[in-house]
Amino acid sequence: MGLILENVFLSESGRIMCMKFRSLIIKNIFRNKSRSLLAKVGIAIGAATILGLGLVTDGLAASTQQALTAGAADFTVLPSSLIRV
């Protein structure tokens, strides 16, 4: 048995209007093709940005740790969440 999403509204004339959200969602995606495409592109750019920043951050932490230990220094770079005061 499928899930049917419905919402009931009362119109100005007092009539009850039912709107099937699933069909409305699908219709609006195909009606506004350019807006849907722009939304998809925006989501893709946001996801790529977050992934890229995470990779850059990890690379910087690793290279900093490597540079500090290469000179036989006794420094260790730790995230602030691991430091207890």
C-alpha atoms as a PDB file:
ATOM      1  CA  MET A   1       0.000   0.000   0.000  1.00  0.00           C
ATOM      2  CA  GLY A   2       1.483   3.339  -1.077  1.00  0.00           C
ATOM      3  CA  LEU A   3       1.714   6.487   0.948  1.00  0.00           C
ATOM      4  CA  ILE A   4      -0.502   9.283  -0.338  1.00  0.00           C
ATOM      5  CA  LEU A   5       0.371  12.727   0.934  1.00  0.00           C
ATOM      6  CA  GLU A   6      -2.697  14.915   1.127  1.00  0.00           C
ATOM      7  CA  ASN A   7      -3.526  18.179   2.796  1.00  0.00           C
ATOM      8  CA  VAL A   8      -7.013  19.588   3.237  1.00  0.00           C
ATOM      9  CA  PHE A   9      -7.686  23.294   2.802  1.00  0.00           C
ATOM     10  CA  LEU A  10     -10.844  25.286   3.319  1.00  0.00           C
ATOM     11  CA  SER A  11     -11.425  27.712   0.452  1.00  0.00           C
ATOM     12  CA  GLU A  12     -13.032  31.154   0.756  1.00  0.00           C
ATOM     13  CA  SER A  13     -16.385  29.763  -0.353  1.00  0.00           C
ATOM     14  CA  GLY A  14     -16.253  27.129   2.399  1.00  0.00           C
ATOM     15  CA  ARG A  15     -15.529  24.192   0.096  1.00  0.00           C
ATOM     16  CA  ILE A  16     -12.946  21.637   1.167  1.00  0.00           C
ATOM     17  CA  MET A  17     -10.106  21.348  -1.321  1.00  0.00           C
ATOM     18  CA  CYS A  18      -7.733  18.367  -1.316  1.00  0.00           C
ATOM     19  CA  MET A  19      -4.299  18.720  -2.831  1.00  0.00           C
ATOM     20  CA  LYS A  20      -2.134  15.727  -3.583  1.00  0.00           C
ATOM     21  CA  PHE A  21       1.343  16.934  -2.795  1.00  0.00           C
ATOM     22  CA  ARG A  22       3.172  14.139  -4.593  1.00  0.00           C
ATOM     23  CA  SER A  23       1.635  14.983  -7.957  1.00  0.00           C
ATOM     24  CA  LEU A  24       2.083  18.711  -7.283  1.00  0.00           C
ATOM     25  CA  ILE A  25       5.778  18.224  -6.522  1.00  0.00           C
ATOM     26  CA  ILE A  26       6.364  16.192  -9.684  1.00  0.00           C
ATOM     27  CA  LYS A  27       4.435  18.648 -11.857  1.00  0.00           C
ATOM     28  CA  ASN A  28       6.328  21.649 -10.490  1.00  0.00           C
ATOM     29  CA  ILE A  29       9.698  20.009 -11.148  1.00  0.00           C
ATOM     30  CA  PHE A  30       8.838  19.614 -14.823  1.00  0.00           C
ATOM     31  CA  ARG A  31       7.075  22.986 -15.137  1.00  0.00           C
ATOM     32  CA  ASN A  32      10.044  24.992 -13.879  1.00  0.00           C
ATOM     33  CA  LYS A  33      12.904  23.268 -15.672  1.00  0.00           C
ATOM     34  CA  SER A  34      15.340  26.161 -15.444  1.00  0.00           C
ATOM     35  CA  ARG A  35      14.713  26.666 -11.719  1.00  0.00           C
ATOM     36  CA  SER A  36      15.115  22.920 -11.115  1.00  0.00           C
ATOM     37  CA  LEU A  37      18.370  22.902 -13.085  1.00  0.00           C
ATOM     38  CA  LEU A  38      19.703  25.888 -11.155  1.00  0.00           C
ATOM     39  CA  ALA A  39      18.785  24.214  -7.858  1.00  0.00           C
ATOM     40  CA  LYS A  40      20.607  21.021  -8.892  1.00  0.00           C
ATOM     41  CA  VAL A  41      23.677  23.008  -9.955  1.00  0.00           C
ATOM     42  CA  GLY A  42      23.641  24.943  -6.675  1.00  0.00           C
ATOM     43  CA  ILE A  43      23.429  21.760  -4.628  1.00  0.00           C
ATOM     44  CA  ALA A  44      26.277  20.205  -6.623  1.00  0.00           C
ATOM     45  CA  ILE A  45      28.476  23.290  -6.169  1.00  0.00           C
ATOM     46  CA  GLY A  46      27.751  23.371  -2.424  1.00  0.00           C
ATOM     47  CA  ALA A  47      28.560  19.687  -1.985  1.00  0.00           C
ATOM     48  CA  ALA A  48      31.781  20.029  -4.003  1.00  0.00           C
ATOM     49  CA  THR A  49      32.806  23.075  -1.959  1.00  0.00           C
ATOM     50  CA  ILE A  50      32.305  21.297   1.356  1.00  0.00           C
ATOM     51  CA  LEU A  51      34.193  18.234   0.117  1.00  0.00           C
ATOM     52  CA  GLY A  52      37.027  20.368  -1.252  1.00  0.00           C
ATOM     53  CA  LEU A  53      37.405  22.369   1.950  1.00  0.00           C
ATOM     54  CA  GLY A  54      37.508  19.179   3.979  1.00  0.00           C
ATOM     55  CA  LEU A  55      40.269  17.755   1.780  1.00  0.00           C
ATOM     56  CA  VAL A  56      42.281  20.986   1.925  1.00  0.00           C
ATOM     57  CA  THR A  57      41.966  21.121   5.720  1.00  0.00           C
ATOM     58  CA  ASP A  58      43.141  17.530   6.105  1.00  0.00           C
ATOM     59  CA  GLY A  59      46.060  18.163   3.747  1.00  0.00           C
ATOM     60  CA  LEU A  60      47.132  21.286   5.628  1.00  0.00           C
ATOM     61  CA  ALA A  61      47.034  19.508   8.970  1.00  0.00           C
ATOM     62  CA  ALA A  62      49.099  16.613   7.619  1.00  0.00           C
ATOM     63  CA  SER A  63      51.678  18.872   5.961  1.00  0.00           C
ATOM     64  CA  THR A  64      52.002  21.015   9.087  1.00  0.00           C
ATOM     65  CA  GLN A  65      52.550  17.928  11.209  1.00  0.00           C
ATOM     66  CA  GLN A  66      55.127  16.650   8.729  1.00  0.00           C
ATOM     67  CA  ALA A  67      56.958  19.996   8.619  1.00  0.00           C
ATOM     68  CA  LEU A  68      57.124  20.218  12.410  1.00  0.00           C
ATOM     69  CA  THR A  69      58.402  16.672  12.871  1.00  0.00           C
ATOM     70  CA  ALA A  70      60.896  16.891   9.967  1.00  0.00           C
ATOM     71  CA  GLY A  71      63.108  19.282  11.920  1.00  0.00           C
ATOM     72  CA  ALA A  72      63.061  16.976  14.961  1.00  0.00           C
ATOM     73  CA  ALA A  73      60.921  19.464  16.861  1.00  0.00           C
ATOM     74  CA  ASP A  74      58.837  18.241  19.760  1.00  0.00           C
ATOM     75  CA  PHE A  75      55.590  19.819  18.599  1.00  0.00           C
ATOM     76  CA  THR A  76      52.367  17.997  17.954  1.00  0.00           C
ATOM     77  CA  VAL A  77      49.372  19.560  16.245  1.00  0.00           C
ATOM     78  CA  LEU A  78      46.127  18.409  17.831  1.00  0.00           C
ATOM     79  CA  PRO A  79      42.545  19.507  17.292  1.00  0.00           C
ATOM     80  CA  SER A  80      41.271  21.744  20.106  1.00  0.00           C
ATOM     81  CA  SER A  81      38.596  19.145  20.941  1.00  0.00           C
ATOM     82  CA  LEU A  82      41.305  16.742  22.160  1.00  0.00           C
ATOM     83  CA  ILE A  83      43.061  19.228  24.451  1.00  0.00           C
ATOM     84  CA  ARG A  84      41.963  19.134  28.083  1.00  0.00           C
ATOM     85  CA  VAL A  85      42.778  22.075  30.302  1.00  0.00           C
END
